Amino acid sequence: MAITAEELSDNLSGRESNEEVAKVSWKTSLIALLVGGVVISAYRWYQNEYSFSMGLDYFEPEFATYWMSLFYTQMTLIPILGAIGCAYVWFTRPEEVTMTPHDELKWYLMIISVLGGAGVLAPIGAMLFMESDAAWHQVTIRDTDFTPTHIGLFYFAIPAVLAAGAIGFLWVHTRMPDFRNRVSFNFALLLGGFFLIMPNLGFNEWGHTFFYAEELFAAPIHWGFVTLGWAVFGIGGFIVQMLGRVAKLTRVVYKQESEEILTN
């Protein structure tokens, strides 16, 4: 007996109780947004509270208490946690990746859900950390390599994103079948940009110390930050790669479930 398109659609919808339908998890996006928002808000409050009262003079004991202690804590915990996360993902990688199209589709949509929350946090973090650093130098003029805004931007935000990105990079390339035997250039470009910002920071501070003291946004010594910052657009290419795979998996899953209904 022939089955109509409407009946097929109803049968597919009725399968939700037996097998969870792959879909974007807004709950995951909101959790990522909430956790990141709390961290950024707490850090921003700390900067507003203690930057001008305890952060104007690197040589004051209060600066060491309120800012250098924060710097040492961050530069200890972030690399350690990042290394532990990367090691765990690498050494627990499966020898063979066996995943049904339905499960693979669910994982891709989960990644997209996480990126959705991160996409909201990215411009907020850039505004609160990066622009505040530029404003700080315009107001207080350059003093030392360590300032409250530098400690927040270059020694917290960027290393934290780099550590999380490295863990995600290894996970995607060891767990997802479509990326297991190749490297996503777009994802690698994103990580490479964030990684190279750190040595570029050293070059920037060396230049400001010896021959370019004035803070001009368009100064050649800042061009490296702009160029490396463009690496963030690599995430767009990675999303396109995922969406291409999602489109194929969607067709496969729909065809499989349709054939199962027709044969039953």
C-alpha atoms as a PDB file:
ATOM      1  CA  MET A   1       0.000   0.000   0.000  1.00  0.00           C
ATOM      2  CA  ALA A   2       1.381   3.425  -0.958  1.00  0.00           C
ATOM      3  CA  ILE A   3       2.119   5.931   1.761  1.00  0.00           C
ATOM      4  CA  THR A   4       1.622   9.632   1.337  1.00  0.00           C
ATOM      5  CA  ALA A   5       4.196  12.313   2.141  1.00  0.00           C
ATOM      6  CA  GLU A   6       2.062  13.538   5.042  1.00  0.00           C
ATOM      7  CA  GLU A   7       1.827  10.054   6.531  1.00  0.00           C
ATOM      8  CA  LEU A   8       5.569   9.596   6.116  1.00  0.00           C
ATOM      9  CA  SER A   9       6.204  12.894   7.881  1.00  0.00           C
ATOM     10  CA  ASP A  10       3.846  11.927  10.722  1.00  0.00           C
ATOM     11  CA  ASN A  11       5.579   8.579  11.125  1.00  0.00           C
ATOM     12  CA  LEU A  12       8.996  10.211  11.222  1.00  0.00           C
ATOM     13  CA  SER A  13       7.753  12.675  13.837  1.00  0.00           C
ATOM     14  CA  GLY A  14       6.352   9.831  15.882  1.00  0.00           C
ATOM     15  CA  ARG A  15       9.785   8.242  16.076  1.00  0.00           C
ATOM     16  CA  GLU A  16      10.969  10.984  18.429  1.00  0.00           C
ATOM     17  CA  SER A  17       9.907   8.915  21.420  1.00  0.00           C
ATOM     18  CA  ASN A  18      12.108   5.982  20.323  1.00  0.00           C
ATOM     19  CA  GLU A  19      15.117   7.933  19.048  1.00  0.00           C
ATOM     20  CA  GLU A  20      15.943  11.488  19.910  1.00  0.00           C
ATOM     21  CA  VAL A  21      15.767  13.779  16.911  1.00  0.00           C
ATOM     22  CA  ALA A  22      19.032  15.534  16.076  1.00  0.00           C
ATOM     23  CA  LYS A  23      18.590  19.258  16.562  1.00  0.00           C
ATOM     24  CA  VAL A  24      20.448  22.333  17.732  1.00  0.00           C
ATOM     25  CA  SER A  25      20.525  22.419  21.530  1.00  0.00           C
ATOM     26  CA  TRP A  26      19.562  25.910  22.607  1.00  0.00           C
ATOM     27  CA  LYS A  27      20.054  24.795  26.195  1.00  0.00           C
ATOM     28  CA  THR A  28      23.724  24.114  25.467  1.00  0.00           C
ATOM     29  CA  SER A  29      24.072  27.532  23.830  1.00  0.00           C
ATOM     30  CA  LEU A  30      22.491  29.233  26.827  1.00  0.00           C
ATOM     31  CA  ILE A  31      24.706  27.326  29.277  1.00  0.00           C
ATOM     32  CA  ALA A  32      27.848  28.310  27.337  1.00  0.00           C
ATOM     33  CA  LEU A  33      26.606  31.895  27.208  1.00  0.00           C
ATOM     34  CA  LEU A  34      25.755  31.945  30.923  1.00  0.00           C
ATOM     35  CA  VAL A  35      29.061  30.455  32.079  1.00  0.00           C
ATOM     36  CA  GLY A  36      31.101  32.730  29.838  1.00  0.00           C
ATOM     37  CA  GLY A  37      28.998  35.727  30.781  1.00  0.00           C
ATOM     38  CA  VAL A  38      29.535  35.134  34.500  1.00  0.00           C
ATOM     39  CA  VAL A  39      33.318  34.836  34.047  1.00  0.00           C
ATOM     40  CA  ILE A  40      33.544  37.946  31.863  1.00  0.00           C
ATOM     41  CA  SER A  41      31.288  39.962  34.174  1.00  0.00           C
ATOM     42  CA  ALA A  42      33.281  38.968  37.269  1.00  0.00           C
ATOM     43  CA  TYR A  43      36.572  39.850  35.597  1.00  0.00           C
ATOM     44  CA  ARG A  44      35.210  43.146  34.354  1.00  0.00           C
ATOM     45  CA  TRP A  45      33.964  44.018  37.828  1.00  0.00           C
ATOM     46  CA  TYR A  46      37.442  43.303  39.223  1.00  0.00           C
ATOM     47  CA  GLN A  47      39.026  45.582  36.624  1.00  0.00           C
ATOM     48  CA  ASN A  48      36.598  48.402  37.309  1.00  0.00           C
ATOM     49  CA  GLU A  49      37.102  48.038  41.051  1.00  0.00           C
ATOM     50  CA  TYR A  50      40.884  47.875  41.248  1.00  0.00           C
ATOM     51  CA  SER A  51      42.422  49.171  37.991  1.00  0.00           C
ATOM     52  CA  PHE A  52      42.692  52.838  38.925  1.00  0.00           C
ATOM     53  CA  SER A  53      43.018  52.334  42.661  1.00  0.00           C
ATOM     54  CA  MET A  54      45.625  49.536  42.623  1.00  0.00           C
ATOM     55  CA  GLY A  55      46.786  49.255  39.029  1.00  0.00           C
ATOM     56  CA  LEU A  56      48.385  52.546  38.009  1.00  0.00           C
ATOM     57  CA  ASP A  57      51.931  51.884  39.253  1.00  0.00           C
ATOM     58  CA  TYR A  58      53.630  48.568  38.582  1.00  0.00           C
ATOM     59  CA  PHE A  59      56.222  49.256  41.289  1.00  0.00           C
ATOM     60  CA  GLU A  60      53.712  49.650  44.118  1.00  0.00           C
ATOM     61  CA  PRO A  61      53.237  46.674  46.498  1.00  0.00           C
ATOM     62  CA  GLU A  62      49.483  46.853  45.885  1.00  0.00           C
ATOM     63  CA  PHE A  63      50.016  46.159  42.195  1.00  0.00           C
ATOM     64  CA  ALA A  64      51.858  42.964  43.034  1.00  0.00           C
ATOM     65  CA  THR A  65      49.055  41.944  45.390  1.00  0.00           C
ATOM     66  CA  TYR A  66      46.060  42.711  43.175  1.00  0.00           C
ATOM     67  CA  TRP A  67      47.452  42.236  39.666  1.00  0.00           C
ATOM     68  CA  MET A  68      50.706  40.277  39.502  1.00  0.00           C
ATOM     69  CA  SER A  69      49.246  37.588  41.754  1.00  0.00           C
ATOM     70  CA  LEU A  70      46.347  37.359  39.298  1.00  0.00           C
ATOM     71  CA  PHE A  71      48.814  37.200  36.412  1.00  0.00           C
ATOM     72  CA  TYR A  72      50.817  34.337  37.968  1.00  0.00           C
ATOM     73  CA  THR A  73      47.634  32.438  38.834  1.00  0.00           C
ATOM     74  CA  GLN A  74      46.299  32.729  35.290  1.00  0.00           C
ATOM     75  CA  MET A  75      49.561  31.847  33.613  1.00  0.00           C
ATOM     76  CA  THR A  76      49.864  28.786  35.823  1.00  0.00           C
ATOM     77  CA  LEU A  77      46.307  27.441  35.718  1.00  0.00           C
ATOM     78  CA  ILE A  78      45.422  28.069  32.060  1.00  0.00           C
ATOM     79  CA  PRO A  79      48.438  26.222  30.538  1.00  0.00           C
ATOM     80  CA  ILE A  80      48.098  23.369  33.055  1.00  0.00           C
ATOM     81  CA  LEU A  81      44.360  22.919  32.476  1.00  0.00           C
ATOM     82  CA  GLY A  82      44.838  23.251  28.718  1.00  0.00           C
ATOM     83  CA  ALA A  83      47.633  20.657  28.718  1.00  0.00           C
ATOM     84  CA  ILE A  84      45.588  18.256  30.853  1.00  0.00           C
ATOM     85  CA  GLY A  85      42.569  18.675  28.581  1.00  0.00           C
ATOM     86  CA  CYS A  86      44.598  18.126  25.410  1.00  0.00           C
ATOM     87  CA  ALA A  87      46.387  15.115  26.887  1.00  0.00           C
ATOM     88  CA  TYR A  88      43.092  13.569  28.002  1.00  0.00           C
ATOM     89  CA  VAL A  89      41.467  14.020  24.599  1.00  0.00           C
ATOM     90  CA  TRP A  90      44.510  12.650  22.789  1.00  0.00           C
ATOM     91  CA  PHE A  91      45.218   9.611  24.958  1.00  0.00           C
ATOM     92  CA  THR A  92      41.552   8.597  25.181  1.00  0.00           C
ATOM     93  CA  ARG A  93      40.995   8.848  21.432  1.00  0.00           C
ATOM     94  CA  PRO A  94      39.359   5.769  19.918  1.00  0.00           C
ATOM     95  CA  GLU A  95      41.398   3.622  17.563  1.00  0.00           C
ATOM     96  CA  GLU A  96      38.459   3.351  15.209  1.00  0.00           C
ATOM     97  CA  VAL A  97      35.630   5.862  14.935  1.00  0.00           C
ATOM     98  CA  THR A  98      32.336   4.075  14.459  1.00  0.00           C
ATOM     99  CA  MET A  99      29.353   6.373  14.484  1.00  0.00           C
ATOM    100  CA  THR A 100      25.936   6.161  12.898  1.00  0.00           C
ATOM    101  CA  PRO A 101      24.892   9.046  10.636  1.00  0.00           C
ATOM    102  CA  HIS A 102      22.238   9.974  13.201  1.00  0.00           C
ATOM    103  CA  ASP A 103      24.776  10.184  16.052  1.00  0.00           C
ATOM    104  CA  GLU A 104      27.263  12.055  13.897  1.00  0.00           C
ATOM    105  CA  LEU A 105      24.567  14.571  13.009  1.00  0.00           C
ATOM    106  CA  LYS A 106      23.745  15.029  16.702  1.00  0.00           C
ATOM    107  CA  TRP A 107      27.385  15.779  17.505  1.00  0.00           C
ATOM    108  CA  TYR A 108      27.689  18.335  14.718  1.00  0.00           C
ATOM    109  CA  LEU A 109      24.581  20.126  15.947  1.00  0.00           C
ATOM    110  CA  MET A 110      26.006  20.059  19.478  1.00  0.00           C
ATOM    111  CA  ILE A 111      29.195  21.734  18.214  1.00  0.00           C
ATOM    112  CA  ILE A 112      27.095  24.344  16.443  1.00  0.00           C
ATOM    113  CA  SER A 113      25.186  24.918  19.679  1.00  0.00           C
ATOM    114  CA  VAL A 114      28.408  25.603  21.585  1.00  0.00           C
ATOM    115  CA  LEU A 115      29.650  27.901  18.826  1.00  0.00           C
ATOM    116  CA  GLY A 116      26.344  29.759  19.005  1.00  0.00           C
ATOM    117  CA  GLY A 117      26.953  30.697  22.632  1.00  0.00           C
ATOM    118  CA  ALA A 118      30.597  31.496  21.927  1.00  0.00           C
ATOM    119  CA  GLY A 119      29.590  33.682  18.990  1.00  0.00           C
ATOM    120  CA  VAL A 120      27.579  35.909  21.310  1.00  0.00           C
ATOM    121  CA  LEU A 121      30.397  36.101  23.856  1.00  0.00           C
ATOM    122  CA  ALA A 122      33.127  36.886  21.309  1.00  0.00           C
ATOM    123  CA  PRO A 123      32.140  40.498  20.490  1.00  0.00           C
ATOM    124  CA  ILE A 124      31.285  41.165  24.137  1.00  0.00           C
ATOM    125  CA  GLY A 125      34.685  39.900  25.250  1.00  0.00           C
ATOM    126  CA  ALA A 126      36.452  41.818  22.492  1.00  0.00           C
ATOM    127  CA  MET A 127      34.708  45.023  23.536  1.00  0.00           C
ATOM    128  CA  LEU A 128      35.364  44.613  27.262  1.00  0.00           C
ATOM    129  CA  PHE A 129      38.945  43.357  27.042  1.00  0.00           C
ATOM    130  CA  MET A 130      40.465  44.585  23.779  1.00  0.00           C
ATOM    131  CA  GLU A 131      38.869  48.019  23.555  1.00  0.00           C
ATOM    132  CA  SER A 132      39.403  48.664  27.252  1.00  0.00           C
ATOM    133  CA  ASP A 133      43.117  47.978  26.736  1.00  0.00           C
ATOM    134  CA  ALA A 134      43.294  50.524  23.927  1.00  0.00           C
ATOM    135  CA  ALA A 135      41.393  53.054  26.049  1.00  0.00           C
ATOM    136  CA  TRP A 136      43.677  52.394  29.017  1.00  0.00           C
ATOM    137  CA  HIS A 137      46.783  53.331  27.063  1.00  0.00           C
ATOM    138  CA  GLN A 138      45.092  56.462  25.753  1.00  0.00           C
ATOM    139  CA  VAL A 139      44.217  57.573  29.282  1.00  0.00           C
ATOM    140  CA  THR A 140      47.209  56.508  31.364  1.00  0.00           C
ATOM    141  CA  ILE A 141      49.875  56.475  28.611  1.00  0.00           C
ATOM    142  CA  ARG A 142      52.235  53.524  28.415  1.00  0.00           C
ATOM    143  CA  ASP A 143      53.890  52.559  31.683  1.00  0.00           C
ATOM    144  CA  THR A 144      55.031  48.919  31.785  1.00  0.00           C
ATOM    145  CA  ASP A 145      54.474  45.694  29.910  1.00  0.00           C
ATOM    146  CA  PHE A 146      52.051  44.631  32.649  1.00  0.00           C
ATOM    147  CA  THR A 147      48.892  46.641  33.075  1.00  0.00           C
ATOM    148  CA  PRO A 148      45.439  45.664  34.415  1.00  0.00           C
ATOM    149  CA  THR A 149      44.075  45.514  30.878  1.00  0.00           C
ATOM    150  CA  HIS A 150      47.071  43.567  29.519  1.00  0.00           C
ATOM    151  CA  ILE A 151      46.685  41.014  32.280  1.00  0.00           C
ATOM    152  CA  GLY A 152      43.023  40.631  31.366  1.00  0.00           C
ATOM    153  CA  LEU A 153      43.448  40.520  27.579  1.00  0.00           C
ATOM    154  CA  PHE A 154      46.817  38.950  26.781  1.00  0.00           C
ATOM    155  CA  TYR A 155      47.258  36.781  29.855  1.00  0.00           C
ATOM    156  CA  PHE A 156      43.688  35.636  30.434  1.00  0.00           C
ATOM    157  CA  ALA A 157      41.254  36.000  27.533  1.00  0.00           C
ATOM    158  CA  ILE A 158      43.559  34.989  24.676  1.00  0.00           C
ATOM    159  CA  PRO A 159      45.293  32.082  26.470  1.00  0.00           C
ATOM    160  CA  ALA A 160      41.904  30.803  27.698  1.00  0.00           C
ATOM    161  CA  VAL A 161      40.463  30.850  24.168  1.00  0.00           C
ATOM    162  CA  LEU A 162      43.632  29.219  22.827  1.00  0.00           C
ATOM    163  CA  ALA A 163      43.518  26.432  25.431  1.00  0.00           C
ATOM    164  CA  ALA A 164      39.826  25.756  24.831  1.00  0.00           C
ATOM    165  CA  GLY A 165      40.352  25.890  21.075  1.00  0.00           C
ATOM    166  CA  ALA A 166      43.246  23.431  21.232  1.00  0.00           C
ATOM    167  CA  ILE A 167      41.123  20.950  23.183  1.00  0.00           C
ATOM    168  CA  GLY A 168      38.283  21.383  20.701  1.00  0.00           C
ATOM    169  CA  PHE A 169      40.661  20.998  17.747  1.00  0.00           C
ATOM    170  CA  LEU A 170      41.976  17.680  19.051  1.00  0.00           C
ATOM    171  CA  TRP A 171      38.492  16.440  19.917  1.00  0.00           C
ATOM    172  CA  VAL A 172      37.090  17.194  16.465  1.00  0.00           C
ATOM    173  CA  HIS A 173      40.033  15.583  14.691  1.00  0.00           C
ATOM    174  CA  THR A 174      40.021  12.439  16.842  1.00  0.00           C
ATOM    175  CA  ARG A 175      36.266  11.874  17.269  1.00  0.00           C
ATOM    176  CA  MET A 176      34.454  13.130  14.171  1.00  0.00           C
ATOM    177  CA  PRO A 177      34.727  10.769  11.160  1.00  0.00           C
ATOM    178  CA  ASP A 178      34.833  13.511   8.534  1.00  0.00           C
ATOM    179  CA  PHE A 179      37.860  15.199  10.157  1.00  0.00           C
ATOM    180  CA  ARG A 180      39.744  12.189  11.502  1.00  0.00           C
ATOM    181  CA  ASN A 181      42.078  11.635   8.561  1.00  0.00           C
ATOM    182  CA  ARG A 182      42.564  15.257   7.574  1.00  0.00           C
ATOM    183  CA  VAL A 183      43.191  18.652   9.135  1.00  0.00           C
ATOM    184  CA  SER A 184      40.746  21.509   8.926  1.00  0.00           C
ATOM    185  CA  PHE A 185      42.856  24.400   7.632  1.00  0.00           C
ATOM    186  CA  ASN A 186      40.187  26.854   8.773  1.00  0.00           C
ATOM    187  CA  PHE A 187      40.231  25.608  12.369  1.00  0.00           C
ATOM    188  CA  ALA A 188      44.049  25.532  12.316  1.00  0.00           C
ATOM    189  CA  LEU A 189      44.095  29.104  10.989  1.00  0.00           C
ATOM    190  CA  LEU A 190      41.949  30.236  13.910  1.00  0.00           C
ATOM    191  CA  LEU A 191      44.246  28.626  16.491  1.00  0.00           C
ATOM    192  CA  GLY A 192      47.378  29.820  14.716  1.00  0.00           C
ATOM    193  CA  GLY A 193      46.228  33.419  14.847  1.00  0.00           C
ATOM    194  CA  PHE A 194      45.575  33.313  18.578  1.00  0.00           C
ATOM    195  CA  PHE A 195      48.865  31.515  19.235  1.00  0.00           C
ATOM    196  CA  LEU A 196      50.958  34.002  17.233  1.00  0.00           C
ATOM    197  CA  ILE A 197      49.386  36.967  19.024  1.00  0.00           C
ATOM    198  CA  MET A 198      51.518  36.089  22.060  1.00  0.00           C
ATOM    199  CA  PRO A 199      54.971  36.483  20.406  1.00  0.00           C
ATOM    200  CA  ASN A 200      53.579  39.474  18.537  1.00  0.00           C
ATOM    201  CA  LEU A 201      52.796  40.991  21.940  1.00  0.00           C
ATOM    202  CA  GLY A 202      56.451  40.630  22.867  1.00  0.00           C
ATOM    203  CA  PHE A 203      57.495  42.369  19.646  1.00  0.00           C
ATOM    204  CA  ASN A 204      54.943  45.110  20.291  1.00  0.00           C
ATOM    205  CA  GLU A 205      56.187  45.788  23.816  1.00  0.00           C
ATOM    206  CA  TRP A 206      59.810  45.745  22.682  1.00  0.00           C
ATOM    207  CA  GLY A 207      58.995  48.304  19.999  1.00  0.00           C
ATOM    208  CA  HIS A 208      57.113  50.564  22.401  1.00  0.00           C
ATOM    209  CA  THR A 209      59.939  50.394  24.908  1.00  0.00           C
ATOM    210  CA  PHE A 210      62.750  51.307  22.529  1.00  0.00           C
ATOM    211  CA  PHE A 211      61.461  53.375  19.636  1.00  0.00           C
ATOM    212  CA  TYR A 212      57.681  53.884  19.513  1.00  0.00           C
ATOM    213  CA  ALA A 213      56.320  55.069  22.839  1.00  0.00           C
ATOM    214  CA  GLU A 214      53.177  56.813  21.579  1.00  0.00           C
ATOM    215  CA  GLU A 215      49.940  54.799  21.387  1.00  0.00           C
ATOM    216  CA  LEU A 216      48.443  55.224  17.921  1.00  0.00           C
ATOM    217  CA  PHE A 217      45.902  52.622  16.838  1.00  0.00           C
ATOM    218  CA  ALA A 218      47.099  52.742  13.217  1.00  0.00           C
ATOM    219  CA  ALA A 219      50.817  52.482  14.077  1.00  0.00           C
ATOM    220  CA  PRO A 220      52.716  49.864  12.033  1.00  0.00           C
ATOM    221  CA  ILE A 221      53.710  48.137  15.240  1.00  0.00           C
ATOM    222  CA  HIS A 222      50.037  47.243  15.746  1.00  0.00           C
ATOM    223  CA  TRP A 223      49.483  45.795  12.281  1.00  0.00           C
ATOM    224  CA  GLY A 224      50.424  42.322  13.505  1.00  0.00           C
ATOM    225  CA  PHE A 225      47.499  42.302  15.929  1.00  0.00           C
ATOM    226  CA  VAL A 226      45.099  43.254  13.151  1.00  0.00           C
ATOM    227  CA  THR A 227      46.434  40.633  10.740  1.00  0.00           C
ATOM    228  CA  LEU A 228      46.426  37.878  13.331  1.00  0.00           C
ATOM    229  CA  GLY A 229      43.022  38.974  14.566  1.00  0.00           C
ATOM    230  CA  TRP A 230      41.645  38.304  11.093  1.00  0.00           C
ATOM    231  CA  ALA A 231      42.403  34.630  11.726  1.00  0.00           C
ATOM    232  CA  VAL A 232      39.173  34.523  13.707  1.00  0.00           C
ATOM    233  CA  PHE A 233      37.344  34.474  10.354  1.00  0.00           C
ATOM    234  CA  GLY A 234      38.674  30.939   9.985  1.00  0.00           C
ATOM    235  CA  ILE A 235      35.772  29.841  12.164  1.00  0.00           C
ATOM    236  CA  GLY A 236      33.467  30.753   9.284  1.00  0.00           C
ATOM    237  CA  GLY A 237      35.224  28.289   6.992  1.00  0.00           C
ATOM    238  CA  PHE A 238      35.033  25.589   9.656  1.00  0.00           C
ATOM    239  CA  ILE A 239      31.296  26.174  10.037  1.00  0.00           C
ATOM    240  CA  VAL A 240      30.874  25.879   6.257  1.00  0.00           C
ATOM    241  CA  GLN A 241      32.731  22.556   6.373  1.00  0.00           C
ATOM    242  CA  MET A 242      30.416  21.316   9.115  1.00  0.00           C
ATOM    243  CA  LEU A 243      27.260  22.509   7.364  1.00  0.00           C
ATOM    244  CA  GLY A 244      28.267  20.664   4.197  1.00  0.00           C
ATOM    245  CA  ARG A 245      28.582  17.477   6.211  1.00  0.00           C
ATOM    246  CA  VAL A 246      25.345  18.194   8.106  1.00  0.00           C
ATOM    247  CA  ALA A 247      23.470  18.540   4.794  1.00  0.00           C
ATOM    248  CA  LYS A 248      24.732  15.125   3.636  1.00  0.00           C
ATOM    249  CA  LEU A 249      23.954  13.466   6.959  1.00  0.00           C
ATOM    250  CA  THR A 250      20.467  14.947   7.012  1.00  0.00           C
ATOM    251  CA  ARG A 251      19.677  13.378   3.655  1.00  0.00           C
ATOM    252  CA  VAL A 252      21.137  10.042   4.723  1.00  0.00           C
ATOM    253  CA  VAL A 253      19.259   9.940   8.023  1.00  0.00           C
ATOM    254  CA  TYR A 254      15.964  10.937   6.404  1.00  0.00           C
ATOM    255  CA  LYS A 255      16.399   8.306   3.691  1.00  0.00           C
ATOM    256  CA  GLN A 256      17.227   5.569   6.205  1.00  0.00           C
ATOM    257  CA  GLU A 257      14.262   6.340   8.422  1.00  0.00           C
ATOM    258  CA  SER A 258      11.954   6.614   5.403  1.00  0.00           C
ATOM    259  CA  GLU A 259      13.068   3.192   4.127  1.00  0.00           C
ATOM    260  CA  GLU A 260      12.546   1.645   7.566  1.00  0.00           C
ATOM    261  CA  ILE A 261       8.972   2.970   7.703  1.00  0.00           C
ATOM    262  CA  LEU A 262       8.183   1.837   4.156  1.00  0.00           C
ATOM    263  CA  THR A 263       9.517  -1.679   4.772  1.00  0.00           C
ATOM    264  CA  ASN A 264       7.536  -1.982   8.010  1.00  0.00           C
END
